[in-house]
Amino acid sequence: MDDEVAEQLLRVLYESVSNAVRHSGSEDISIVLAAQDGEVVLTVRDTGRGFKDPERMSGLNNMKNRATRLGGDCTIDSVPGEGTSVTWTAPAAG
């Protein structure tokens, strides 16, 4: 992947893991990174408390904006009491 995509991916990885550690209460956080068909996919999942309507959206919106600027997507799925999953995708070459 090119440098810009790698930089944005690392920032999203940091933000999503940091959010899971600070807010989820989970002892289990999984990180999966895959590259295929010219695309990178990062998934960070925890089994923590989850959320319905977070008080602050700035970090979540930053992850989405980083994907959008590169022509990718960011999906955040969270269920109260079951955990949160962040799936961030972007073309491997920005």
Protein backbone atom coordinates (compact mmCIF):
# COMPACT_ATOMS: atom_id res chain seq x y z
CA MET A 1 0.00 0.00 0.00
CA ASP A 2 1.16 3.54 -0.51
CA ASP A 3 2.41 5.80 2.28
CA GLU A 4 -0.77 7.89 2.61
CA VAL A 5 -2.99 4.82 3.00
CA ALA A 6 -0.56 3.30 5.51
CA GLU A 7 -0.47 6.52 7.55
CA GLN A 8 -4.27 6.77 7.69
CA LEU A 9 -4.63 3.07 8.49
CA LEU A 10 -2.22 3.39 11.43
CA ARG A 11 -4.12 6.41 12.77
CA VAL A 12 -7.41 4.50 12.55
CA LEU A 13 -5.84 1.46 14.22
CA TYR A 14 -4.59 3.62 17.08
CA GLU A 15 -7.94 5.40 17.49
CA SER A 16 -10.05 2.25 17.40
CA VAL A 17 -7.83 0.31 19.84
CA SER A 18 -7.59 3.33 22.12
CA ASN A 19 -11.39 3.67 22.14
CA ALA A 20 -11.81 -0.03 22.93
CA VAL A 21 -9.30 0.10 25.79
CA ARG A 22 -10.71 3.30 27.30
CA HIS A 23 -14.43 2.77 26.84
CA SER A 24 -15.43 -0.85 26.20
CA GLY A 25 -14.47 -2.55 29.45
CA SER A 26 -13.49 -5.55 27.32
CA GLU A 27 -10.51 -7.73 28.03
CA ASP A 28 -10.66 -9.09 24.47
CA ILE A 29 -9.79 -6.93 21.47
CA SER A 30 -9.14 -8.55 18.09
CA ILE A 31 -7.34 -6.89 15.20
CA VAL A 32 -7.46 -8.29 11.68
CA LEU A 33 -5.72 -6.68 8.71
CA ALA A 34 -6.22 -8.05 5.22
CA ALA A 35 -5.10 -6.93 1.78
CA GLN A 36 -6.78 -8.29 -1.31
CA ASP A 37 -7.99 -7.16 -4.72
CA GLY A 38 -6.26 -3.78 -4.38
CA GLU A 39 -7.94 -2.98 -1.07
CA VAL A 40 -6.92 -3.01 2.59
CA VAL A 41 -9.42 -3.95 5.28
CA LEU A 42 -8.83 -3.31 8.97
CA THR A 43 -11.23 -4.78 11.51
CA VAL A 44 -10.99 -4.02 15.23
CA ARG A 45 -13.52 -5.82 17.42
CA ASP A 46 -14.12 -5.90 21.16
CA THR A 47 -16.54 -7.82 23.35
CA GLY A 48 -17.22 -4.93 25.71
CA ARG A 49 -20.16 -2.86 26.75
CA GLY A 50 -20.95 -1.45 23.30
CA PHE A 51 -23.02 1.69 22.81
CA LYS A 52 -26.19 3.00 21.26
CA ASP A 53 -25.73 6.78 21.15
CA PRO A 54 -22.18 7.76 22.14
CA GLU A 55 -21.74 11.09 23.93
CA ARG A 56 -18.84 12.04 21.66
CA MET A 57 -18.52 11.20 17.99
CA SER A 58 -15.30 13.03 17.08
CA GLY A 59 -13.02 9.96 17.05
CA LEU A 60 -15.58 7.84 15.20
CA ASN A 61 -16.17 10.59 12.65
CA ASN A 62 -12.41 11.01 12.15
CA MET A 63 -12.09 7.31 11.26
CA LYS A 64 -14.95 7.62 8.76
CA ASN A 65 -13.49 10.79 7.23
CA ARG A 66 -10.06 9.18 6.82
CA ALA A 67 -11.64 6.36 4.80
CA THR A 68 -13.83 8.66 2.72
CA ARG A 69 -10.89 10.91 1.75
CA LEU A 70 -9.14 7.85 0.34
CA GLY A 71 -12.20 6.53 -1.50
CA GLY A 72 -12.93 3.89 1.15
CA ASP A 73 -15.49 3.27 3.86
CA CYS A 74 -15.70 2.86 7.62
CA THR A 75 -18.51 0.95 9.31
CA ILE A 76 -18.99 1.00 13.06
CA ASP A 77 -21.33 -1.62 14.48
CA SER A 78 -22.07 -1.59 18.20
CA VAL A 79 -24.62 -3.40 20.32
CA PRO A 80 -25.03 -2.47 23.98
CA GLY A 81 -23.77 -5.32 26.15
CA GLU A 82 -22.19 -7.17 23.19
CA GLY A 83 -19.33 -5.00 21.94
CA THR A 84 -18.20 -2.92 19.02
CA SER A 85 -16.69 -3.65 15.62
CA VAL A 86 -14.91 -1.11 13.41
CA THR A 87 -14.33 -2.13 9.79
CA TRP A 88 -12.21 0.32 7.80
CA THR A 89 -11.51 -0.17 4.09
CA ALA A 90 -9.50 1.81 1.58
CA PRO A 91 -7.89 1.28 -1.81
CA ALA A 92 -4.31 0.09 -1.29
CA ALA A 93 -3.08 2.96 -3.47
CA GLY A 94 -4.57 6.31 -2.48
